[in-house]
Amino acid sequence: MKSQLHEIVTFDTSFWLSVALIAALLVFSAFFSGSETALTAASRGKLRAMADKGSRGAIRALRITEDTERLIGAVLLGNNLVNIMAASLATALFTRIFGDSGVALATLVMTLLVLVFAEVMPKTYAITNPESAAVLVSPVISFLVFCLSPLVGAIRWYVRLSLRAFGIKTDPGRSVLAINDEIAGTIALGHSEGAVGKEDRDRLLGALDLKDREVEEIMLHRSEIEMIDAADPPEAILNQCLQSDYTRLPVFRGEPENIVGVVHAKDLLRAVHKLKGADEMHAFNVLDVAMKPYFVPETTTLDAQMRQFLRRRAHFALVVDEYGALQGLITLEDILEEIVGEIADEHDTRGETRIRRVDDGQFIVDGAMTIRDLNRATDWDIPDDHAITVAGLVIHESQSIPTVGQVFSFYGFHFEVLERRANRITKLKIRPLRSA
């Protein structure tokens, strides 16, 4: 009789009400867990595309994900609140039924329920469909963030104050990961997983790197620039232009540093075509058809220089240092090659012998080849922090100008000097070390 009375008291209305509340709290916990995963994993680019098509949910999702710290604070506050309430109700319920042993049983049961139904299941769905899930939960989460923002703000202030007491400074306005780094990391991950090909990876990363690279890194050095001497006879100038692989040639007067113009082969040929005899050809002045030279600082970023080329409708610029001394030249094609790779035509012979693989797995490399181009061609990761070209790297690391036959090993690679002209290293043999 006493046992039956205990059973009636145990499974009364309050029992079923407690079970219903625990189930409802687990649903809320699942909602908060899935919302956090969906809103943090959703691509802002895809959400922006959905918003541009008129999706109000995507607009809300974009708005609330602008302040990730406030979003996560509000969601975690709600999630912890419902989880603690569910655990407390379960403990009281199991203690009522099983006595003191109900505490341990309630802990075990609630751990399994929360793990499966409130964590793994909703987060698996959210990570599988992040954008659609983010759009779905955005109205409720937006309202929750608005309601809890004062409390979350107070918690954020207290957390920063506590961290500062331990000497840890936080910058609330600073993004944890810059958007360019995030995109670059995604592309690199896609390549490592086989989803993005090497050529596609190189093009995408090349476009992203334009803001971080300067003109001096890819310019043609002044020692390699082909120029026209304004004092040469017109016949010699015309012959030089016809024999040259380049369409535009700088014109200097007196010294190569004194650039007075840039002549385009088409303009020169048009002017020569209009001449009617040898007398007029003899009196022809190349500077009459030369364009005004366009000078740019060597520290200009490639992104800024490309924009300048497009704005000025120019393809050719001379690079100078802080003292105004000529350092080299850069063209629009040079910048585009950083994105799409080497661009060659029937008159272009620059990239044909820059790098060549030999039978033993080693590479014969032009000393003037940039480290970046070498890495792109071989998929290596030689650092270019201290030098731009391969020859420059060897000189920097050896702290000397090596002679032919000298061998060096650094950064996991074996470098052998094959050719040298004056003080320039013109050809090297490179191979990765076995331990690399």
Protein backbone atom coordinates (compact mmCIF):
# COMPACT_ATOMS: atom_id res chain seq x y z
CA MET A 1 0.00 0.00 0.00
CA LYS A 2 2.83 2.32 0.91
CA SER A 3 4.68 1.49 -2.35
CA GLN A 4 1.59 2.21 -4.41
CA LEU A 5 1.16 5.55 -2.62
CA HIS A 6 4.80 6.43 -3.37
CA GLU A 7 4.27 5.60 -7.05
CA ILE A 8 1.16 7.82 -7.20
CA VAL A 9 2.98 10.69 -5.56
CA THR A 10 6.02 10.25 -7.83
CA PHE A 11 4.26 10.15 -11.17
CA ASP A 12 1.79 12.95 -10.57
CA THR A 13 1.18 16.11 -12.55
CA SER A 14 4.32 17.83 -11.29
CA PHE A 15 6.40 14.89 -12.55
CA TRP A 16 5.09 15.16 -16.09
CA LEU A 17 5.36 18.92 -15.95
CA SER A 18 9.04 18.60 -14.99
CA VAL A 19 9.64 16.15 -17.84
CA ALA A 20 7.96 18.52 -20.30
CA LEU A 21 10.06 21.45 -19.06
CA ILE A 22 13.28 19.45 -19.36
CA ALA A 23 12.34 18.44 -22.92
CA ALA A 24 11.52 22.06 -23.82
CA LEU A 25 14.83 23.26 -22.35
CA LEU A 26 16.72 20.65 -24.37
CA VAL A 27 14.99 21.96 -27.51
CA PHE A 28 16.09 25.51 -26.62
CA SER A 29 19.62 24.26 -25.97
CA ALA A 30 19.68 22.55 -29.35
CA PHE A 31 18.44 25.76 -30.96
CA PHE A 32 21.17 27.87 -29.34
CA SER A 33 23.92 25.37 -30.19
CA GLY A 34 22.83 25.06 -33.81
CA SER A 35 22.41 28.83 -34.14
CA GLU A 36 25.92 29.52 -32.87
CA THR A 37 27.43 27.05 -35.34
CA ALA A 38 25.32 28.23 -38.27
CA LEU A 39 25.99 31.94 -37.76
CA THR A 40 29.73 31.52 -37.23
CA ALA A 41 30.21 28.99 -40.06
CA ALA A 42 28.00 30.72 -42.64
CA SER A 43 29.86 32.41 -45.49
CA ARG A 44 29.27 36.16 -45.43
CA GLY A 45 29.81 36.18 -49.18
CA LYS A 46 26.94 33.73 -49.73
CA LEU A 47 24.76 35.60 -47.24
CA ARG A 48 25.49 38.83 -49.11
CA ALA A 49 24.45 37.20 -52.38
CA MET A 50 21.21 35.99 -50.76
CA ALA A 51 20.61 39.45 -49.28
CA ASP A 52 21.09 41.04 -52.71
CA LYS A 53 18.32 38.76 -53.97
CA GLY A 54 15.95 40.10 -51.30
CA SER A 55 16.31 37.60 -48.45
CA ARG A 56 15.41 39.41 -45.21
CA GLY A 57 16.79 36.55 -43.13
CA ALA A 58 20.15 36.91 -44.85
CA ILE A 59 20.12 40.66 -44.14
CA ARG A 60 19.46 39.97 -40.45
CA ALA A 61 22.18 37.29 -40.38
CA LEU A 62 24.69 39.71 -41.88
CA ARG A 63 23.74 42.40 -39.38
CA ILE A 64 24.09 40.24 -36.27
CA THR A 65 27.34 38.62 -37.43
CA GLU A 66 29.04 42.01 -37.79
CA ASP A 67 29.75 41.91 -34.03
CA THR A 68 30.77 38.30 -33.47
CA GLU A 69 31.71 38.83 -29.84
CA ARG A 70 28.28 40.20 -28.93
CA LEU A 71 26.55 37.42 -30.92
CA ILE A 72 28.48 34.61 -29.26
CA GLY A 73 28.06 36.23 -25.84
CA ALA A 74 24.28 36.36 -26.17
CA VAL A 75 23.99 32.81 -27.56
CA LEU A 76 26.29 31.33 -24.90
CA LEU A 77 24.38 33.15 -22.19
CA GLY A 78 21.08 31.71 -23.39
CA ASN A 79 22.57 28.25 -23.96
CA ASN A 80 24.16 28.02 -20.52
CA LEU A 81 21.02 29.31 -18.87
CA VAL A 82 18.77 26.62 -20.35
CA ASN A 83 21.35 23.87 -19.80
CA ILE A 84 21.74 24.72 -16.11
CA MET A 85 17.98 24.93 -15.66
CA ALA A 86 17.50 21.55 -17.37
CA ALA A 87 20.20 19.94 -15.22
CA SER A 88 18.68 21.38 -12.02
CA LEU A 89 15.18 20.14 -12.87
CA ALA A 90 16.52 16.70 -13.80
CA THR A 91 18.46 16.47 -10.53
CA ALA A 92 15.39 17.39 -8.49
CA LEU A 93 13.24 14.94 -10.44
CA PHE A 94 15.64 12.00 -10.17
CA THR A 95 16.27 12.70 -6.48
CA ARG A 96 12.53 12.60 -5.89
CA ILE A 97 12.28 9.20 -7.58
CA PHE A 98 15.55 7.47 -6.62
CA GLY A 99 16.64 9.33 -3.54
CA ASP A 100 20.30 10.32 -3.02
CA SER A 101 21.48 8.14 -5.90
CA GLY A 102 19.37 10.24 -8.27
CA VAL A 103 22.07 12.94 -8.43
CA ALA A 104 24.59 10.70 -10.17
CA LEU A 105 21.91 9.20 -12.39
CA ALA A 106 20.61 12.65 -13.39
CA THR A 107 24.17 13.74 -14.28
CA LEU A 108 24.67 10.68 -16.51
CA VAL A 109 21.30 10.94 -18.26
CA MET A 110 21.47 14.70 -18.83
CA THR A 111 25.03 14.45 -20.16
CA LEU A 112 23.92 11.94 -22.79
CA LEU A 113 20.78 13.92 -23.70
CA VAL A 114 22.60 17.24 -23.98
CA LEU A 115 25.51 15.73 -25.92
CA VAL A 116 23.36 13.91 -28.50
CA PHE A 117 20.24 16.05 -28.88
CA ALA A 118 21.47 19.52 -27.85
CA GLU A 119 25.02 19.54 -29.21
CA VAL A 120 26.02 16.96 -31.83
CA MET A 121 22.73 16.72 -33.74
CA PRO A 122 21.96 20.47 -34.17
CA LYS A 123 25.58 21.38 -34.84
CA THR A 124 25.89 18.65 -37.46
CA TYR A 125 22.84 20.02 -39.26
CA ALA A 126 24.09 23.60 -38.93
CA ILE A 127 27.55 22.84 -40.28
CA THR A 128 25.99 20.94 -43.20
CA ASN A 129 23.61 23.79 -44.14
CA PRO A 130 25.16 26.89 -42.54
CA GLU A 131 23.63 29.61 -44.74
CA SER A 132 20.07 28.22 -44.77
CA ALA A 133 20.25 27.53 -41.01
CA ALA A 134 21.58 31.05 -40.35
CA VAL A 135 18.72 32.58 -42.31
CA LEU A 136 16.22 30.39 -40.43
CA VAL A 137 17.39 31.29 -36.92
CA SER A 138 18.27 34.95 -37.58
CA PRO A 139 14.91 36.47 -36.45
CA VAL A 140 14.97 34.82 -33.00
CA ILE A 141 18.71 35.34 -32.48
CA SER A 142 18.44 38.96 -33.57
CA PHE A 143 15.73 39.55 -30.96
CA LEU A 144 17.76 37.68 -28.32
CA VAL A 145 20.90 39.70 -29.03
CA PHE A 146 18.90 42.92 -28.73
CA CYS A 147 17.35 41.91 -25.41
CA LEU A 148 20.56 40.60 -23.87
CA SER A 149 22.91 43.27 -25.23
CA PRO A 150 23.06 45.28 -21.94
CA LEU A 151 23.93 42.18 -19.94
CA VAL A 152 26.38 40.93 -22.58
CA GLY A 153 28.01 44.37 -22.69
CA ALA A 154 28.51 44.30 -18.93
CA ILE A 155 30.01 40.81 -19.12
CA ARG A 156 32.36 41.90 -21.94
CA TRP A 157 33.52 44.88 -19.87
CA TYR A 158 34.15 42.70 -16.82
CA VAL A 159 36.04 40.09 -18.88
CA ARG A 160 38.32 42.72 -20.44
CA LEU A 161 38.93 44.27 -17.05
CA SER A 162 39.83 40.88 -15.58
CA LEU A 163 42.18 40.06 -18.46
CA ARG A 164 43.85 43.43 -18.14
CA ALA A 165 44.59 42.62 -14.50
CA PHE A 166 46.66 39.67 -15.77
CA GLY A 167 48.45 41.83 -18.33
CA ILE A 168 46.40 40.62 -21.32
CA LYS A 169 45.23 43.41 -23.62
CA THR A 170 42.30 42.97 -25.99
CA ASP A 171 41.38 45.05 -29.03
CA PRO A 172 37.60 44.89 -29.50
CA GLY A 173 37.72 46.66 -32.86
CA ARG A 174 40.25 44.30 -34.35
CA SER A 175 39.19 41.29 -36.38
CA VAL A 176 40.67 38.01 -35.23
CA LEU A 177 41.52 37.08 -38.81
CA ALA A 178 41.83 39.55 -41.69
CA ILE A 179 39.51 38.81 -44.57
CA ASN A 180 42.42 38.39 -47.03
CA ASP A 181 44.11 35.90 -44.73
CA GLU A 182 40.85 34.04 -44.32
CA ILE A 183 40.35 33.78 -48.08
CA ALA A 184 43.99 32.77 -48.65
CA GLY A 185 43.71 30.11 -45.96
CA THR A 186 40.54 28.74 -47.54
CA ILE A 187 42.21 28.56 -50.96
CA ALA A 188 45.30 26.84 -49.53
CA LEU A 189 43.10 24.36 -47.67
CA GLY A 190 41.11 23.66 -50.84
CA HIS A 191 44.35 23.01 -52.73
CA SER A 192 45.67 20.64 -50.05
CA GLU A 193 42.38 18.71 -50.19
CA GLY A 194 42.44 18.52 -53.99
CA ALA A 195 39.42 20.78 -54.56
CA VAL A 196 41.48 23.66 -56.01
CA GLY A 197 44.11 23.05 -58.70
CA LYS A 198 47.62 24.47 -58.46
CA GLU A 199 47.12 26.94 -61.32
CA ASP A 200 43.83 28.18 -59.86
CA ARG A 201 45.44 28.52 -56.43
CA ASP A 202 48.37 30.50 -57.86
CA ARG A 203 46.05 32.87 -59.75
CA LEU A 204 43.79 33.52 -56.76
CA LEU A 205 46.62 33.98 -54.30
CA GLY A 206 48.47 36.15 -56.81
CA ALA A 207 45.50 38.52 -57.01
CA LEU A 208 45.23 38.66 -53.21
CA ASP A 209 48.95 39.42 -52.81
CA LEU A 210 48.97 42.53 -55.02
CA LYS A 211 48.27 44.79 -52.02
CA ASP A 212 51.18 43.32 -50.07
CA ARG A 213 53.84 43.45 -52.79
CA GLU A 214 55.77 46.43 -54.12
CA VAL A 215 56.91 47.46 -57.57
CA GLU A 216 60.59 46.86 -56.81
CA GLU A 217 59.89 43.14 -56.31
CA ILE A 218 58.93 42.48 -59.94
CA MET A 219 60.45 45.36 -61.92
CA LEU A 220 62.99 44.78 -64.66
CA HIS A 221 66.30 45.95 -63.20
CA ARG A 222 68.00 48.91 -64.85
CA SER A 223 70.94 46.73 -65.88
CA GLU A 224 68.61 44.77 -68.15
CA ILE A 225 66.69 47.70 -69.66
CA GLU A 226 67.13 48.20 -73.41
CA MET A 227 67.34 51.92 -74.18
CA ILE A 228 67.65 54.26 -77.14
CA ASP A 229 70.34 56.91 -77.23
CA ALA A 230 68.78 60.13 -78.51
CA ALA A 231 72.13 61.05 -80.10
CA ASP A 232 72.15 57.98 -82.38
CA PRO A 233 71.41 58.47 -86.10
CA PRO A 234 67.76 57.96 -87.10
CA GLU A 235 68.67 54.88 -89.15
CA ALA A 236 70.33 53.25 -86.14
CA ILE A 237 67.36 54.07 -83.92
CA LEU A 238 64.91 52.64 -86.45
CA ASN A 239 66.99 49.49 -86.83
CA GLN A 240 67.21 49.08 -83.05
CA CYS A 241 63.42 49.33 -82.70
CA LEU A 242 62.89 46.80 -85.48
CA GLN A 243 65.33 44.34 -83.90
CA SER A 244 64.04 44.77 -80.36
CA ASP A 245 61.64 42.34 -78.67
CA TYR A 246 59.95 45.27 -76.93
CA THR A 247 57.29 47.66 -78.19
CA ARG A 248 58.22 50.57 -75.89
CA LEU A 249 61.80 51.70 -75.34
CA PRO A 250 63.09 54.48 -73.04
CA VAL A 251 65.09 57.25 -74.68
CA PHE A 252 68.04 58.78 -72.81
CA ARG A 253 70.26 61.74 -73.50
CA GLY A 254 73.88 61.79 -72.41
CA GLU A 255 73.68 59.24 -69.60
CA PRO A 256 71.33 56.24 -69.20
CA GLU A 257 70.06 57.78 -65.96
CA ASN A 258 68.74 60.79 -67.88
CA ILE A 259 65.54 59.41 -69.38
CA VAL A 260 63.89 62.05 -71.56
CA GLY A 261 61.12 60.07 -73.22
CA VAL A 262 59.60 56.73 -74.14
CA VAL A 263 59.15 55.83 -77.79
CA HIS A 264 56.48 53.43 -79.02
CA ALA A 265 57.42 51.35 -82.06
CA LYS A 266 54.12 52.18 -83.79
CA ASP A 267 54.60 55.94 -83.33
CA LEU A 268 58.16 55.68 -84.66
CA LEU A 269 57.15 53.67 -87.72
CA ARG A 270 54.26 56.04 -88.49
CA ALA A 271 56.61 59.03 -88.34
CA VAL A 272 59.23 57.33 -90.52
CA HIS A 273 56.56 56.29 -93.02
CA LYS A 274 55.60 59.95 -93.54
CA LEU A 275 59.15 60.94 -94.44
CA LYS A 276 59.65 61.43 -98.18
CA GLY A 277 63.37 61.13 -98.63
CA ALA A 278 66.82 60.64 -97.15
CA ASP A 279 67.09 64.34 -96.34
CA GLU A 280 64.01 64.27 -94.14
CA MET A 281 65.16 60.99 -92.57
CA HIS A 282 68.49 62.57 -91.70
CA ALA A 283 66.75 65.49 -89.98
CA PHE A 284 64.36 63.24 -88.07
CA ASN A 285 64.45 63.63 -84.26
CA VAL A 286 63.24 60.66 -82.23
CA LEU A 287 62.17 62.94 -79.38
CA ASP A 288 59.47 64.41 -81.64
CA VAL A 289 57.52 61.14 -81.39
CA ALA A 290 58.57 60.14 -77.87
CA MET A 291 56.07 60.23 -75.06
CA LYS A 292 56.75 61.93 -71.74
CA PRO A 293 58.30 59.41 -69.33
CA TYR A 294 56.13 58.22 -66.44
CA PHE A 295 58.04 57.70 -63.17
CA VAL A 296 56.78 55.80 -60.11
CA PRO A 297 58.34 55.16 -56.67
CA GLU A 298 59.77 51.71 -56.06
CA THR A 299 57.66 51.35 -52.90
CA THR A 300 54.32 51.59 -54.75
CA THR A 301 52.18 48.50 -54.21
CA LEU A 302 51.29 46.42 -57.24
CA ASP A 303 47.59 46.94 -56.61
CA ALA A 304 47.97 50.71 -56.56
CA GLN A 305 50.22 50.67 -59.63
CA MET A 306 47.78 48.58 -61.61
CA ARG A 307 45.02 51.05 -60.78
CA GLN A 308 47.26 53.90 -61.90
CA PHE A 309 48.00 52.15 -65.19
CA LEU A 310 44.28 51.67 -65.83
CA ARG A 311 43.44 55.25 -64.86
CA ARG A 312 46.18 56.76 -67.05
CA ARG A 313 45.62 54.24 -69.86
CA ALA A 314 49.33 53.49 -69.67
CA HIS A 315 51.27 50.24 -69.84
CA PHE A 316 54.80 51.35 -69.05
CA ALA A 317 56.47 53.13 -66.10
CA LEU A 318 60.02 53.81 -64.98
CA VAL A 319 60.82 53.01 -61.36
CA VAL A 320 62.93 55.38 -59.23
CA ASP A 321 64.15 55.26 -55.64
CA GLU A 322 63.74 57.90 -52.93
CA TYR A 323 66.59 59.92 -54.45
CA GLY A 324 65.08 59.91 -57.93
CA ALA A 325 67.68 57.50 -59.33
CA LEU A 326 66.49 55.03 -61.96
CA GLN A 327 66.05 51.52 -60.57
CA GLY A 328 64.14 49.70 -63.30
CA LEU A 329 60.92 49.61 -65.24
CA ILE A 330 57.56 47.94 -64.82
CA THR A 331 54.72 47.25 -67.24
CA LEU A 332 51.08 46.34 -66.85
CA GLU A 333 51.95 42.92 -68.26
CA ASP A 334 54.41 42.36 -65.39
CA ILE A 335 51.63 42.89 -62.85
CA LEU A 336 49.18 40.67 -64.74
CA GLU A 337 51.83 37.92 -64.85
CA GLU A 338 51.78 37.89 -61.05
CA ILE A 339 48.17 36.70 -61.32
CA VAL A 340 47.98 34.53 -64.44
CA GLY A 341 51.61 33.42 -64.73
CA GLU A 342 54.09 33.99 -67.54
CA ILE A 343 52.61 35.68 -70.62
CA ALA A 344 54.71 34.97 -73.70
CA ASP A 345 54.29 35.68 -77.41
CA GLU A 346 56.35 34.95 -80.52
CA HIS A 347 58.74 37.81 -79.67
CA ASP A 348 59.07 37.13 -75.94
CA THR A 349 62.06 35.08 -74.86
CA ARG A 350 62.35 36.14 -71.23
CA GLY A 351 60.80 33.13 -69.50
CA GLU A 352 62.12 30.36 -71.71
CA THR A 353 65.30 29.54 -69.76
CA ARG A 354 64.54 30.97 -66.32
CA ILE A 355 64.12 27.49 -64.84
CA ARG A 356 64.89 24.05 -66.25
CA ARG A 357 64.63 20.66 -64.61
CA VAL A 358 67.53 18.27 -65.20
CA ASP A 359 67.51 14.50 -65.13
CA ASP A 360 68.73 14.12 -61.55
CA GLY A 361 65.75 16.05 -60.18
CA GLN A 362 67.67 19.30 -59.74
CA PHE A 363 66.73 22.65 -61.26
CA ILE A 364 68.90 25.03 -63.26
CA VAL A 365 67.67 28.50 -62.32
CA ASP A 366 68.40 31.97 -63.66
CA GLY A 367 69.88 34.06 -60.85
CA ALA A 368 67.57 36.96 -61.69
CA MET A 369 64.46 34.79 -61.22
CA THR A 370 62.39 35.95 -58.28
CA ILE A 371 61.96 33.62 -55.33
CA ARG A 372 58.20 33.96 -55.66
CA ASP A 373 58.28 32.75 -59.29
CA LEU A 374 60.54 29.86 -58.29
CA ASN A 375 58.14 28.85 -55.53
CA ARG A 376 55.19 29.01 -57.92
CA ALA A 377 56.97 26.90 -60.52
CA THR A 378 58.20 24.21 -58.10
CA ASP A 379 55.62 24.44 -55.29
CA TRP A 380 58.46 25.10 -52.82
CA ASP A 381 58.32 27.48 -49.88
CA ILE A 382 61.65 29.33 -49.92
CA PRO A 383 61.26 32.53 -47.84
CA ASP A 384 61.60 35.86 -49.64
CA ASP A 385 61.77 38.15 -46.60
CA HIS A 386 65.42 39.15 -47.12
CA ALA A 387 65.83 39.01 -50.89
CA ILE A 388 63.73 39.24 -54.04
CA THR A 389 65.75 37.13 -56.47
CA VAL A 390 67.38 33.73 -56.05
CA ALA A 391 70.84 35.26 -56.55
CA GLY A 392 70.03 37.91 -53.95
CA LEU A 393 69.07 35.22 -51.46
CA VAL A 394 72.38 33.37 -51.93
CA ILE A 395 74.35 36.61 -51.54
CA HIS A 396 72.38 37.55 -48.43
CA GLU A 397 72.80 34.19 -46.76
CA SER A 398 76.48 33.78 -47.67
CA GLN A 399 77.29 37.42 -46.79
CA SER A 400 79.55 37.49 -49.85
CA ILE A 401 79.56 37.36 -53.63
CA PRO A 402 80.17 33.65 -54.27
CA THR A 403 82.44 32.30 -56.95
CA VAL A 404 81.55 29.64 -59.49
CA GLY A 405 81.41 26.19 -57.93
CA GLN A 406 80.62 27.32 -54.40
CA VAL A 407 77.86 25.35 -52.67
CA PHE A 408 75.50 26.47 -49.92
CA SER A 409 72.72 24.82 -47.93
CA PHE A 410 70.00 26.80 -46.17
CA TYR A 411 66.22 26.70 -45.72
CA GLY A 412 66.30 23.00 -46.57
CA PHE A 413 67.75 23.49 -50.09
CA HIS A 414 71.12 22.94 -51.78
CA PHE A 415 72.40 25.88 -53.90
CA GLU A 416 75.35 25.61 -56.30
CA VAL A 417 76.68 28.61 -58.24
CA LEU A 418 77.11 27.68 -61.92
CA GLU A 419 77.74 31.01 -63.64
CA ARG A 420 78.79 34.50 -62.61
CA ARG A 421 79.27 37.66 -64.66
CA ALA A 422 81.21 40.42 -62.92
CA ASN A 423 79.46 40.67 -59.53
CA ARG A 424 76.22 39.06 -60.68
CA ILE A 425 75.25 35.43 -60.13
CA THR A 426 73.56 34.46 -63.38
CA LYS A 427 72.87 30.76 -62.99
CA LEU A 428 72.45 28.33 -60.09
CA LYS A 429 71.59 24.70 -59.53
CA ILE A 430 69.03 24.07 -56.77
CA ARG A 431 67.66 20.92 -55.22
CA PRO A 432 65.78 20.18 -51.99
CA LEU A 433 67.78 18.42 -49.32
CA ARG A 434 66.66 14.87 -48.52
CA SER A 435 65.89 15.86 -44.96
CA ALA A 436 63.68 18.73 -46.08
